[in-house]
Structures are given as structure tokens and as C-alpha cells.
Amino acid sequence: MKSKNTGATAIVATILVVAVVLWQMAAQANLINGQLLGSPLGIYKSAVIGFTQGQLLYDTWVTLWETLLGLLVGSGLGIVLGLVLWFYPRTSAIVEQFSILLNSIPKIALGPLIIIWFGSGMISKIWLAGISTFAVAIISSCAAAQEVDRDLLNLFKSFKAQRAKVFKKLILPASVPWIFSIFRINIGFALIGAVVGEFIASENGLGHAVFVAGSLFDLNTVWLGVIILTLMAALLTWVVQLTEERVISWKGEQ
């Protein structure tokens, strides 16, 4: 499995390198409009200026912190609530329907409300990131609790095990892969929530930097922001995957 992943990563990296080289060559040969599409060299220069001045590094840290806190709070609360609802099947069905309704609401429409209620600082971005992940976490964790192997569940029931013990010994362990999948899926949603909040009202963050650069037609800085956001999502995904591997290997040793 690792060799397959390594091979796929190498192929993707090669394609990206070739695309960047062709992009730069086309920009230098005036085959494309560098002012309109940007260029790798221009992006590099924008990165050097941004990191040298320190503002780009600070914006990256702000967005990362907002995304991470929103992801942990929103997904964490959603997972806990979704799993606990296993004890209350009827209530679970009602909450699931409300969660589906909440998930269908475009989060950008909630942005102005959150900004008005919690201000234009970091707290409102964390709220937006958390709300963007909360509904998905509830829906998925409810599904995880319901998808437990029925034979194992019937085995526990045959021994007249208490529901609390069934939850601890069966439901929770069986939900671990689902929990990590929820975090992987919600990384993108949390990042979108934070960036949308920065677009609407903010003085810092990558979303704010991209918005300002777009207003000034600075396409290189816009591309730079997009690249950093992509790398941020990839980094967080890698951390979740690494943690999942460690947890699963630890469980296997028990």
C-alpha cells in the first residue's frame, strides 16, 4: 500500500513540476498574459517579499489557527453528540434531519451574521469554521454508530450487556475509522469557513490577503495564497492520517 501511495505521489509531483515549468516558459515567451494569469517566477518573488516582511507568515499562522480550532471544536462536538445519540434512536433521527438541513445552508450566507454577532476578529472565523464542520460530524458519527456489525451487537445483547458497556466496548472502537474520516473530510470545510470569514471582514489571514491582492489585480499574490492554503490542507490531512495510523497500530498491539 505504501509503495502504491509513494508511486502516486511521485507521479503527481512530476506532473506539477512539468506544469510549472511549461507555465513559466509560456509566460516568458509571451504566449500567455503574465499580468492576467501570473507566473511561477512572479509567485516566487511575491513569496520572498511576503515572508521577508513577515506579514505573509503571520497571515498563514492566523488562518491555520482559525482552521485548526474550528475543526477541533466543530468536529469534536459533532462527533461526541452524534455518538451519544446512539442511546436515543428516536432523537437521533430528528437531530440527523436538522443536521442535514443545517449542512445544506451555504455557510457564506451565515458569514455576515456571525461577523455581526462575534466581531471581525479571530473568534468569528473560528465560529464559521466550526459551524462548517459541525453538521457533517453529526451526520457521519450517527451513521458510524448505526453501521456497527449487527452480529456483534446481537452477541452483546445475548450476554445481556448493559448499553453503556456495549457503547464502550463496541460502538466506540468500531467508530474510530469513521472519526478519522470525519476529520479528513472536515479539513476542507473548516478551511473554507475560515477563509470566507476573512473575505467578509478581517484585517489578517490568507483570505484577507487574497481578497486585497485580487482587488489590486495582483494575480501572483492571489496564486501564492491559493498555494499556501492548498499546502495547509495537505499538511493537516497528513497529520490526521499519521495519527490514524498510530492509533490503529496501537489498537492492534492491544
C-alpha atoms as a PDB file:
ATOM      1  CA  MET A   1       0.000   0.000   0.000  1.00  0.00           C
ATOM      2  CA  LYS A   2       2.804   2.383   0.898  1.00  0.00           C
ATOM      3  CA  SER A   3       4.602   1.672  -2.385  1.00  0.00           C
ATOM      4  CA  LYS A   4       1.420   2.455  -4.314  1.00  0.00           C
ATOM      5  CA  ASN A   5       0.989   5.732  -2.403  1.00  0.00           C
ATOM      6  CA  THR A   6       4.648   6.633  -2.977  1.00  0.00           C
ATOM      7  CA  GLY A   7       4.327   5.932  -6.698  1.00  0.00           C
ATOM      8  CA  ALA A   8       1.157   8.026  -6.973  1.00  0.00           C
ATOM      9  CA  THR A   9       2.810  10.887  -5.066  1.00  0.00           C
ATOM     10  CA  ALA A  10       5.802  10.785  -7.399  1.00  0.00           C
ATOM     11  CA  ILE A  11       3.561  10.910 -10.468  1.00  0.00           C
ATOM     12  CA  VAL A  12       1.573  13.865  -9.108  1.00  0.00           C
ATOM     13  CA  ALA A  13       4.794  15.708  -8.187  1.00  0.00           C
ATOM     14  CA  THR A  14       6.214  15.129 -11.668  1.00  0.00           C
ATOM     15  CA  ILE A  15       3.048  16.434 -13.334  1.00  0.00           C
ATOM     16  CA  LEU A  16       3.095  19.543 -11.150  1.00  0.00           C
ATOM     17  CA  VAL A  17       6.767  20.262 -11.872  1.00  0.00           C
ATOM     18  CA  VAL A  18       6.224  19.896 -15.617  1.00  0.00           C
ATOM     19  CA  ALA A  19       3.134  22.133 -15.464  1.00  0.00           C
ATOM     20  CA  VAL A  20       5.041  24.843 -13.545  1.00  0.00           C
ATOM     21  CA  VAL A  21       7.970  24.744 -15.994  1.00  0.00           C
ATOM     22  CA  LEU A  22       5.657  24.983 -19.024  1.00  0.00           C
ATOM     23  CA  TRP A  23       3.723  27.807 -17.335  1.00  0.00           C
ATOM     24  CA  GLN A  24       6.898  29.829 -16.741  1.00  0.00           C
ATOM     25  CA  MET A  25       8.205  29.177 -20.260  1.00  0.00           C
ATOM     26  CA  ALA A  26       4.897  30.285 -21.772  1.00  0.00           C
ATOM     27  CA  ALA A  27       4.894  33.462 -19.654  1.00  0.00           C
ATOM     28  CA  GLN A  28       8.474  34.331 -20.635  1.00  0.00           C
ATOM     29  CA  ALA A  29       7.718  33.706 -24.321  1.00  0.00           C
ATOM     30  CA  ASN A  30       4.609  35.935 -24.067  1.00  0.00           C
ATOM     31  CA  LEU A  31       2.446  33.023 -25.177  1.00  0.00           C
ATOM     32  CA  ILE A  32       0.189  33.827 -22.225  1.00  0.00           C
ATOM     33  CA  ASN A  33      -0.561  37.100 -20.462  1.00  0.00           C
ATOM     34  CA  GLY A  34       1.593  37.063 -17.329  1.00  0.00           C
ATOM     35  CA  GLN A  35      -0.308  40.011 -15.855  1.00  0.00           C
ATOM     36  CA  LEU A  36      -3.598  38.188 -16.254  1.00  0.00           C
ATOM     37  CA  LEU A  37      -2.527  34.651 -15.343  1.00  0.00           C
ATOM     38  CA  GLY A  38       0.541  35.289 -13.195  1.00  0.00           C
ATOM     39  CA  SER A  39       3.763  33.286 -13.456  1.00  0.00           C
ATOM     40  CA  PRO A  40       5.753  30.919 -11.217  1.00  0.00           C
ATOM     41  CA  LEU A  41       8.634  33.401 -11.049  1.00  0.00           C
ATOM     42  CA  GLY A  42       6.244  36.191 -10.081  1.00  0.00           C
ATOM     43  CA  ILE A  43       4.703  33.969  -7.401  1.00  0.00           C
ATOM     44  CA  TYR A  44       8.174  33.205  -6.051  1.00  0.00           C
ATOM     45  CA  LYS A  45       9.028  36.901  -5.876  1.00  0.00           C
ATOM     46  CA  SER A  46       5.757  37.629  -4.060  1.00  0.00           C
ATOM     47  CA  ALA A  47       6.565  34.844  -1.594  1.00  0.00           C
ATOM     48  CA  VAL A  48      10.042  36.242  -0.909  1.00  0.00           C
ATOM     49  CA  ILE A  49       8.640  39.729  -0.307  1.00  0.00           C
ATOM     50  CA  GLY A  50       5.779  38.455   1.846  1.00  0.00           C
ATOM     51  CA  PHE A  51       7.895  36.220   4.065  1.00  0.00           C
ATOM     52  CA  THR A  52      10.698  38.776   4.334  1.00  0.00           C
ATOM     53  CA  GLN A  53       8.277  41.424   5.563  1.00  0.00           C
ATOM     54  CA  GLY A  54       6.711  38.880   7.922  1.00  0.00           C
ATOM     55  CA  GLN A  55       3.087  39.659   7.053  1.00  0.00           C
ATOM     56  CA  LEU A  56       2.584  36.545   4.920  1.00  0.00           C
ATOM     57  CA  LEU A  57       3.905  34.301   7.674  1.00  0.00           C
ATOM     58  CA  TYR A  58       1.583  35.960  10.186  1.00  0.00           C
ATOM     59  CA  ASP A  59      -1.415  35.643   7.836  1.00  0.00           C
ATOM     60  CA  THR A  60      -0.630  31.957   7.352  1.00  0.00           C
ATOM     61  CA  TRP A  61      -0.433  31.399  11.102  1.00  0.00           C
ATOM     62  CA  VAL A  62      -3.743  33.212  11.700  1.00  0.00           C
ATOM     63  CA  THR A  63      -5.628  31.162   9.098  1.00  0.00           C
ATOM     64  CA  LEU A  64      -4.048  27.906  10.294  1.00  0.00           C
ATOM     65  CA  TRP A  65      -5.020  28.641  13.899  1.00  0.00           C
ATOM     66  CA  GLU A  66      -8.596  29.576  12.960  1.00  0.00           C
ATOM     67  CA  THR A  67      -8.956  26.451  10.817  1.00  0.00           C
ATOM     68  CA  LEU A  68      -7.464  24.127  13.416  1.00  0.00           C
ATOM     69  CA  LEU A  69      -9.573  25.417  16.304  1.00  0.00           C
ATOM     70  CA  GLY A  70     -12.735  25.421  14.196  1.00  0.00           C
ATOM     71  CA  LEU A  71     -12.000  21.879  13.015  1.00  0.00           C
ATOM     72  CA  LEU A  72     -11.372  20.540  16.513  1.00  0.00           C
ATOM     73  CA  VAL A  73     -14.308  22.307  18.169  1.00  0.00           C
ATOM     74  CA  GLY A  74     -16.900  21.786  15.417  1.00  0.00           C
ATOM     75  CA  SER A  75     -15.931  18.219  14.541  1.00  0.00           C
ATOM     76  CA  GLY A  76     -15.294  17.264  18.162  1.00  0.00           C
ATOM     77  CA  LEU A  77     -18.692  18.451  19.387  1.00  0.00           C
ATOM     78  CA  GLY A  78     -20.431  16.922  16.369  1.00  0.00           C
ATOM     79  CA  ILE A  79     -18.748  13.545  16.849  1.00  0.00           C
ATOM     80  CA  VAL A  80     -19.499  13.410  20.581  1.00  0.00           C
ATOM     81  CA  LEU A  81     -23.143  14.409  20.071  1.00  0.00           C
ATOM     82  CA  GLY A  82     -23.596  12.014  17.147  1.00  0.00           C
ATOM     83  CA  LEU A  83     -22.192   9.042  19.062  1.00  0.00           C
ATOM     84  CA  VAL A  84     -24.084   9.821  22.272  1.00  0.00           C
ATOM     85  CA  LEU A  85     -27.315   9.908  20.268  1.00  0.00           C
ATOM     86  CA  TRP A  86     -26.861   6.137  19.796  1.00  0.00           C
ATOM     87  CA  PHE A  87     -28.510   5.858  23.213  1.00  0.00           C
ATOM     88  CA  TYR A  88     -31.565   7.726  21.889  1.00  0.00           C
ATOM     89  CA  PRO A  89     -32.541   6.325  18.449  1.00  0.00           C
ATOM     90  CA  ARG A  90     -35.689   8.448  18.026  1.00  0.00           C
ATOM     91  CA  THR A  91     -33.942  11.664  18.979  1.00  0.00           C
ATOM     92  CA  SER A  92     -31.056  10.687  16.727  1.00  0.00           C
ATOM     93  CA  ALA A  93     -33.336  10.542  13.676  1.00  0.00           C
ATOM     94  CA  ILE A  94     -34.691  14.044  14.431  1.00  0.00           C
ATOM     95  CA  VAL A  95     -31.239  15.546  15.034  1.00  0.00           C
ATOM     96  CA  GLU A  96     -29.968  13.957  11.825  1.00  0.00           C
ATOM     97  CA  GLN A  97     -32.698  15.689   9.821  1.00  0.00           C
ATOM     98  CA  PHE A  98     -31.879  19.045  11.401  1.00  0.00           C
ATOM     99  CA  SER A  99     -28.175  18.429  10.703  1.00  0.00           C
ATOM    100  CA  ILE A 100     -28.892  17.723   7.042  1.00  0.00           C
ATOM    101  CA  LEU A 101     -30.869  20.969   6.893  1.00  0.00           C
ATOM    102  CA  LEU A 102     -28.019  22.892   8.545  1.00  0.00           C
ATOM    103  CA  ASN A 103     -25.482  21.323   6.219  1.00  0.00           C
ATOM    104  CA  SER A 104     -27.483  22.425   3.180  1.00  0.00           C
ATOM    105  CA  ILE A 105     -27.246  26.107   4.183  1.00  0.00           C
ATOM    106  CA  PRO A 106     -24.409  27.882   2.307  1.00  0.00           C
ATOM    107  CA  LYS A 107     -22.026  28.917   5.060  1.00  0.00           C
ATOM    108  CA  ILE A 108     -21.162  32.123   3.232  1.00  0.00           C
ATOM    109  CA  ALA A 109     -24.768  33.216   3.887  1.00  0.00           C
ATOM    110  CA  LEU A 110     -24.160  32.827   7.629  1.00  0.00           C
ATOM    111  CA  GLY A 111     -20.927  34.808   7.440  1.00  0.00           C
ATOM    112  CA  PRO A 112     -22.396  38.304   7.891  1.00  0.00           C
ATOM    113  CA  LEU A 113     -24.489  37.125  10.857  1.00  0.00           C
ATOM    114  CA  ILE A 114     -21.504  35.553  12.595  1.00  0.00           C
ATOM    115  CA  ILE A 115     -19.363  38.639  11.941  1.00  0.00           C
ATOM    116  CA  ILE A 116     -22.065  40.916  13.406  1.00  0.00           C
ATOM    117  CA  TRP A 117     -22.539  38.707  16.485  1.00  0.00           C
ATOM    118  CA  PHE A 118     -18.887  37.954  17.261  1.00  0.00           C
ATOM    119  CA  GLY A 119     -16.990  40.810  15.612  1.00  0.00           C
ATOM    120  CA  SER A 120     -14.374  40.824  12.886  1.00  0.00           C
ATOM    121  CA  GLY A 121     -11.653  39.177  14.970  1.00  0.00           C
ATOM    122  CA  MET A 122     -10.464  35.597  15.104  1.00  0.00           C
ATOM    123  CA  ILE A 123     -13.422  34.338  17.175  1.00  0.00           C
ATOM    124  CA  SER A 124     -15.909  34.842  14.335  1.00  0.00           C
ATOM    125  CA  LYS A 125     -13.663  32.886  11.924  1.00  0.00           C
ATOM    126  CA  ILE A 126     -13.399  30.016  14.397  1.00  0.00           C
ATOM    127  CA  TRP A 127     -17.198  30.015  14.700  1.00  0.00           C
ATOM    128  CA  LEU A 128     -17.596  29.884  10.922  1.00  0.00           C
ATOM    129  CA  ALA A 129     -15.043  27.074  10.626  1.00  0.00           C
ATOM    130  CA  GLY A 130     -16.743  25.172  13.453  1.00  0.00           C
ATOM    131  CA  ILE A 131     -20.247  25.571  12.020  1.00  0.00           C
ATOM    132  CA  SER A 132     -18.958  24.398   8.641  1.00  0.00           C
ATOM    133  CA  THR A 133     -17.805  21.113  10.200  1.00  0.00           C
ATOM    134  CA  PHE A 134     -20.436  20.521  12.893  1.00  0.00           C
ATOM    135  CA  ALA A 135     -23.278  19.164  10.755  1.00  0.00           C
ATOM    136  CA  VAL A 136     -21.038  16.816   8.763  1.00  0.00           C
ATOM    137  CA  ALA A 137     -19.605  15.433  12.005  1.00  0.00           C
ATOM    138  CA  ILE A 138     -23.049  14.721  13.483  1.00  0.00           C
ATOM    139  CA  ILE A 139     -24.379  13.055  10.324  1.00  0.00           C
ATOM    140  CA  SER A 140     -21.300  10.873   9.879  1.00  0.00           C
ATOM    141  CA  SER A 141     -20.966   9.889  13.540  1.00  0.00           C
ATOM    142  CA  CYS A 142     -24.652   8.936  13.710  1.00  0.00           C
ATOM    143  CA  ALA A 143     -24.098   6.753  10.649  1.00  0.00           C
ATOM    144  CA  ALA A 144     -20.986   5.252  12.261  1.00  0.00           C
ATOM    145  CA  ALA A 145     -22.940   4.225  15.356  1.00  0.00           C
ATOM    146  CA  GLN A 146     -25.691   2.684  13.226  1.00  0.00           C
ATOM    147  CA  GLU A 147     -23.335   0.765  10.918  1.00  0.00           C
ATOM    148  CA  VAL A 148     -21.883  -1.420  13.663  1.00  0.00           C
ATOM    149  CA  ASP A 149     -21.763  -5.128  12.846  1.00  0.00           C
ATOM    150  CA  ARG A 150     -25.214  -6.486  13.730  1.00  0.00           C
ATOM    151  CA  ASP A 151     -23.847  -9.919  14.606  1.00  0.00           C
ATOM    152  CA  LEU A 152     -21.517  -8.438  17.196  1.00  0.00           C
ATOM    153  CA  LEU A 153     -24.315  -6.254  18.523  1.00  0.00           C
ATOM    154  CA  ASN A 154     -26.601  -9.281  18.868  1.00  0.00           C
ATOM    155  CA  LEU A 155     -23.772 -11.162  20.600  1.00  0.00           C
ATOM    156  CA  PHE A 156     -23.503  -8.418  23.226  1.00  0.00           C
ATOM    157  CA  LYS A 157     -27.261  -8.456  23.663  1.00  0.00           C
ATOM    158  CA  SER A 158     -27.282 -12.227  24.089  1.00  0.00           C
ATOM    159  CA  PHE A 159     -24.953 -11.780  27.067  1.00  0.00           C
ATOM    160  CA  LYS A 160     -27.340  -9.100  28.396  1.00  0.00           C
ATOM    161  CA  ALA A 161     -24.590  -6.487  28.356  1.00  0.00           C
ATOM    162  CA  GLN A 162     -25.582  -3.040  29.563  1.00  0.00           C
ATOM    163  CA  ARG A 163     -25.934  -0.344  26.895  1.00  0.00           C
ATOM    164  CA  ALA A 164     -23.096   1.664  28.425  1.00  0.00           C
ATOM    165  CA  LYS A 165     -20.802  -1.349  28.124  1.00  0.00           C
ATOM    166  CA  VAL A 166     -21.908  -2.018  24.542  1.00  0.00           C
ATOM    167  CA  PHE A 167     -21.157   1.617  23.725  1.00  0.00           C
ATOM    168  CA  LYS A 168     -17.706   1.486  25.317  1.00  0.00           C
ATOM    169  CA  LYS A 169     -16.626  -1.926  24.038  1.00  0.00           C
ATOM    170  CA  LEU A 170     -18.270  -2.000  20.605  1.00  0.00           C
ATOM    171  CA  ILE A 171     -19.671   1.304  19.335  1.00  0.00           C
ATOM    172  CA  LEU A 172     -16.669   3.496  20.180  1.00  0.00           C
ATOM    173  CA  PRO A 173     -13.951   1.151  18.822  1.00  0.00           C
ATOM    174  CA  ALA A 174     -15.953   0.486  15.643  1.00  0.00           C
ATOM    175  CA  SER A 175     -16.373   4.243  15.105  1.00  0.00           C
ATOM    176  CA  VAL A 176     -12.650   5.078  15.179  1.00  0.00           C
ATOM    177  CA  PRO A 177     -12.126   4.812  11.375  1.00  0.00           C
ATOM    178  CA  TRP A 178     -15.240   6.934  10.841  1.00  0.00           C
ATOM    179  CA  ILE A 179     -13.972   9.566  13.278  1.00  0.00           C
ATOM    180  CA  PHE A 180     -10.715   9.988  11.379  1.00  0.00           C
ATOM    181  CA  SER A 181     -12.622  10.108   8.091  1.00  0.00           C
ATOM    182  CA  ILE A 182     -14.765  12.901   9.526  1.00  0.00           C
ATOM    183  CA  PHE A 183     -11.677  14.922  10.420  1.00  0.00           C
ATOM    184  CA  ARG A 184     -10.169  14.381   6.964  1.00  0.00           C
ATOM    185  CA  ILE A 185     -13.358  15.484   5.218  1.00  0.00           C
ATOM    186  CA  ASN A 186     -13.860  18.459   7.521  1.00  0.00           C
ATOM    187  CA  ILE A 187     -10.389  19.911   6.967  1.00  0.00           C
ATOM    188  CA  GLY A 188     -11.579  21.442   3.707  1.00  0.00           C
ATOM    189  CA  PHE A 189     -14.845  22.684   5.210  1.00  0.00           C
ATOM    190  CA  ALA A 190     -13.066  24.291   8.177  1.00  0.00           C
ATOM    191  CA  LEU A 191     -10.583  25.977   5.849  1.00  0.00           C
ATOM    192  CA  ILE A 192     -13.391  27.298   3.647  1.00  0.00           C
ATOM    193  CA  GLY A 193     -15.253  28.635   6.691  1.00  0.00           C
ATOM    194  CA  ALA A 194     -12.194  30.477   7.998  1.00  0.00           C
ATOM    195  CA  VAL A 195     -11.290  31.945   4.598  1.00  0.00           C
ATOM    196  CA  VAL A 196     -14.883  33.027   3.898  1.00  0.00           C
ATOM    197  CA  GLY A 197     -14.903  34.878   7.218  1.00  0.00           C
ATOM    198  CA  GLU A 198     -11.632  36.576   6.320  1.00  0.00           C
ATOM    199  CA  PHE A 199     -13.076  37.571   2.961  1.00  0.00           C
ATOM    200  CA  ILE A 200     -16.087  39.204   4.592  1.00  0.00           C
ATOM    201  CA  ALA A 201     -14.366  41.147   7.372  1.00  0.00           C
ATOM    202  CA  SER A 202     -10.815  40.774   8.601  1.00  0.00           C
ATOM    203  CA  GLU A 203      -7.526  42.587   8.933  1.00  0.00           C
ATOM    204  CA  ASN A 204      -5.341  39.457   8.819  1.00  0.00           C
ATOM    205  CA  GLY A 205      -5.319  35.950   7.407  1.00  0.00           C
ATOM    206  CA  LEU A 206      -4.728  34.437   3.988  1.00  0.00           C
ATOM    207  CA  GLY A 207      -8.325  35.085   2.941  1.00  0.00           C
ATOM    208  CA  HIS A 208      -7.860  38.785   3.640  1.00  0.00           C
ATOM    209  CA  ALA A 209      -4.522  38.806   1.796  1.00  0.00           C
ATOM    210  CA  VAL A 210      -6.044  37.103  -1.261  1.00  0.00           C
ATOM    211  CA  PHE A 211      -9.022  39.481  -1.231  1.00  0.00           C
ATOM    212  CA  VAL A 212      -6.794  42.559  -1.112  1.00  0.00           C
ATOM    213  CA  ALA A 213      -4.447  41.183  -3.792  1.00  0.00           C
ATOM    214  CA  GLY A 214      -7.403  40.400  -6.056  1.00  0.00           C
ATOM    215  CA  SER A 215      -8.726  43.923  -5.621  1.00  0.00           C
ATOM    216  CA  LEU A 216      -5.323  45.252  -6.731  1.00  0.00           C
ATOM    217  CA  PHE A 217      -5.117  42.761  -9.643  1.00  0.00           C
ATOM    218  CA  ASP A 218      -2.015  41.237  -8.048  1.00  0.00           C
ATOM    219  CA  LEU A 219      -2.513  37.751  -9.500  1.00  0.00           C
ATOM    220  CA  ASN A 220       0.821  36.426  -8.271  1.00  0.00           C
ATOM    221  CA  THR A 221      -0.114  37.067  -4.639  1.00  0.00           C
ATOM    222  CA  VAL A 222      -3.533  35.529  -5.235  1.00  0.00           C
ATOM    223  CA  TRP A 223      -1.878  32.377  -6.593  1.00  0.00           C
ATOM    224  CA  LEU A 224       0.522  32.401  -3.654  1.00  0.00           C
ATOM    225  CA  GLY A 225      -2.385  32.475  -1.207  1.00  0.00           C
ATOM    226  CA  VAL A 226      -4.101  29.609  -3.024  1.00  0.00           C
ATOM    227  CA  ILE A 227      -0.894  27.548  -2.977  1.00  0.00           C
ATOM    228  CA  ILE A 228      -0.343  28.118   0.755  1.00  0.00           C
ATOM    229  CA  LEU A 229      -3.959  27.192   1.518  1.00  0.00           C
ATOM    230  CA  THR A 230      -3.553  24.007  -0.522  1.00  0.00           C
ATOM    231  CA  LEU A 231      -0.342  23.108   1.307  1.00  0.00           C
ATOM    232  CA  MET A 232      -2.054  23.850   4.618  1.00  0.00           C
ATOM    233  CA  ALA A 233      -4.897  21.452   3.806  1.00  0.00           C
ATOM    234  CA  ALA A 234      -2.386  18.817   2.690  1.00  0.00           C
ATOM    235  CA  LEU A 235      -0.389  19.227   5.913  1.00  0.00           C
ATOM    236  CA  LEU A 236      -3.447  18.885   8.141  1.00  0.00           C
ATOM    237  CA  THR A 237      -4.601  15.832   6.158  1.00  0.00           C
ATOM    238  CA  TRP A 238      -1.176  14.258   6.572  1.00  0.00           C
ATOM    239  CA  VAL A 239      -1.265  14.867  10.341  1.00  0.00           C
ATOM    240  CA  VAL A 240      -4.705  13.217  10.595  1.00  0.00           C
ATOM    241  CA  GLN A 241      -3.561  10.235   8.506  1.00  0.00           C
ATOM    242  CA  LEU A 242      -0.385   9.833  10.570  1.00  0.00           C
ATOM    243  CA  THR A 243      -2.398   9.973  13.798  1.00  0.00           C
ATOM    244  CA  GLU A 244      -4.838   7.409  12.420  1.00  0.00           C
ATOM    245  CA  GLU A 245      -2.003   5.024  11.550  1.00  0.00           C
ATOM    246  CA  ARG A 246      -0.522   5.387  15.025  1.00  0.00           C
ATOM    247  CA  VAL A 247      -3.876   4.820  16.730  1.00  0.00           C
ATOM    248  CA  ILE A 248      -4.742   1.783  14.599  1.00  0.00           C
ATOM    249  CA  SER A 249      -1.302   0.242  15.143  1.00  0.00           C
ATOM    250  CA  TRP A 250      -1.636   0.897  18.883  1.00  0.00           C
ATOM    251  CA  LYS A 251      -5.040  -0.799  18.902  1.00  0.00           C
ATOM    252  CA  GLY A 252      -3.577  -3.757  17.032  1.00  0.00           C
ATOM    253  CA  GLU A 253      -0.920  -4.209  19.734  1.00  0.00           C
ATOM    254  CA  GLN A 254      -3.520  -4.320  22.499  1.00  0.00           C
END
